Amino acid sequence: MKSFVAAAIAIGVMCSCASVASAQTKGDWVLGNYKGAGYWFPGVIDSASGGKVTIDPI
């Protein structure tokens, strides 16, 4: 399961880098840097509104 999650995140990161600009929408896989601490955690966007994004950890 861990390798699947890592592969899915890697694919999501590669895809997001390939596009010039993309909006974050509910259900997108992301890596989040909680409070700018420098540690990146995988998650799925729960909601995005008004410049704020809520991420559910995986």
C-alpha atoms as a PDB file:
ATOM      1  CA  MET A   1       0.000   0.000   0.000  1.00  0.00           C
ATOM      2  CA  LYS A   2       2.818   2.431   0.832  1.00  0.00           C
ATOM      3  CA  SER A   3       4.379   2.004  -2.609  1.00  0.00           C
ATOM      4  CA  PHE A   4       1.010   2.684  -4.240  1.00  0.00           C
ATOM      5  CA  VAL A   5       0.544   5.885  -2.228  1.00  0.00           C
ATOM      6  CA  ALA A   6       4.102   7.011  -2.999  1.00  0.00           C
ATOM      7  CA  ALA A   7       3.635   6.284  -6.702  1.00  0.00           C
ATOM      8  CA  ALA A   8       0.313   8.130  -6.797  1.00  0.00           C
ATOM      9  CA  ILE A   9       1.847  11.140  -5.079  1.00  0.00           C
ATOM     10  CA  ALA A  10       4.835  11.108  -7.412  1.00  0.00           C
ATOM     11  CA  ILE A  11       2.521  11.010 -10.424  1.00  0.00           C
ATOM     12  CA  GLY A  12       0.457  13.887  -9.007  1.00  0.00           C
ATOM     13  CA  VAL A  13       3.586  15.953  -8.362  1.00  0.00           C
ATOM     14  CA  MET A  14       4.959  15.259 -11.850  1.00  0.00           C
ATOM     15  CA  CYS A  15       1.637  16.172 -13.445  1.00  0.00           C
ATOM     16  CA  SER A  16       1.309  19.386 -11.467  1.00  0.00           C
ATOM     17  CA  CYS A  17       4.824  20.434 -12.520  1.00  0.00           C
ATOM     18  CA  ALA A  18       4.065  19.799 -16.180  1.00  0.00           C
ATOM     19  CA  SER A  19       1.200  22.293 -16.345  1.00  0.00           C
ATOM     20  CA  VAL A  20       1.690  26.028 -16.329  1.00  0.00           C
ATOM     21  CA  ALA A  21      -1.101  26.733 -13.866  1.00  0.00           C
ATOM     22  CA  SER A  22      -3.716  24.531 -12.295  1.00  0.00           C
ATOM     23  CA  ALA A  23      -6.334  25.029  -9.631  1.00  0.00           C
ATOM     24  CA  GLN A  24      -6.549  22.743  -6.647  1.00  0.00           C
ATOM     25  CA  THR A  25      -9.905  21.005  -6.461  1.00  0.00           C
ATOM     26  CA  LYS A  26     -11.607  18.565  -4.103  1.00  0.00           C
ATOM     27  CA  GLY A  27     -10.196  15.073  -4.475  1.00  0.00           C
ATOM     28  CA  ASP A  28      -6.744  16.147  -5.746  1.00  0.00           C
ATOM     29  CA  TRP A  29      -3.768  14.354  -4.175  1.00  0.00           C
ATOM     30  CA  VAL A  30      -1.288  16.843  -2.716  1.00  0.00           C
ATOM     31  CA  LEU A  31       1.713  17.180  -0.440  1.00  0.00           C
ATOM     32  CA  GLY A  32       1.116  19.654   2.380  1.00  0.00           C
ATOM     33  CA  ASN A  33       3.721  21.475   4.463  1.00  0.00           C
ATOM     34  CA  TYR A  34       1.806  21.846   7.735  1.00  0.00           C
ATOM     35  CA  LYS A  35       2.411  25.318   9.222  1.00  0.00           C
ATOM     36  CA  GLY A  36       5.567  25.683   7.115  1.00  0.00           C
ATOM     37  CA  ALA A  37       7.477  23.261   9.373  1.00  0.00           C
ATOM     38  CA  GLY A  38       9.436  21.818   6.446  1.00  0.00           C
ATOM     39  CA  TYR A  39       7.883  18.352   6.590  1.00  0.00           C
ATOM     40  CA  TRP A  40       5.682  17.398   3.637  1.00  0.00           C
ATOM     41  CA  PHE A  41       2.725  15.068   4.232  1.00  0.00           C
ATOM     42  CA  PRO A  42       0.471  13.370   1.661  1.00  0.00           C
ATOM     43  CA  GLY A  43      -3.196  14.214   1.633  1.00  0.00           C
ATOM     44  CA  VAL A  44      -6.338  14.703  -0.403  1.00  0.00           C
ATOM     45  CA  ILE A  45      -8.038  18.077  -0.781  1.00  0.00           C
ATOM     46  CA  ASP A  46     -11.318  18.148   1.125  1.00  0.00           C
ATOM     47  CA  SER A  47     -12.278  21.706   0.178  1.00  0.00           C
ATOM     48  CA  ALA A  48     -10.838  24.773  -1.520  1.00  0.00           C
ATOM     49  CA  SER A  49     -12.417  28.208  -1.198  1.00  0.00           C
ATOM     50  CA  GLY A  50     -11.250  31.806  -0.967  1.00  0.00           C
ATOM     51  CA  GLY A  51      -7.563  30.937  -1.161  1.00  0.00           C
ATOM     52  CA  LYS A  52      -7.782  28.389   1.669  1.00  0.00           C
ATOM     53  CA  VAL A  53      -7.377  24.660   1.126  1.00  0.00           C
ATOM     54  CA  THR A  54      -8.409  21.990   3.623  1.00  0.00           C
ATOM     55  CA  ILE A  55      -6.434  18.752   3.305  1.00  0.00           C
ATOM     56  CA  ASP A  56      -7.370  15.364   4.752  1.00  0.00           C
ATOM     57  CA  PRO A  57      -4.203  13.426   5.662  1.00  0.00           C
ATOM     58  CA  ILE A  58      -3.712   9.973   4.234  1.00  0.00           C
END
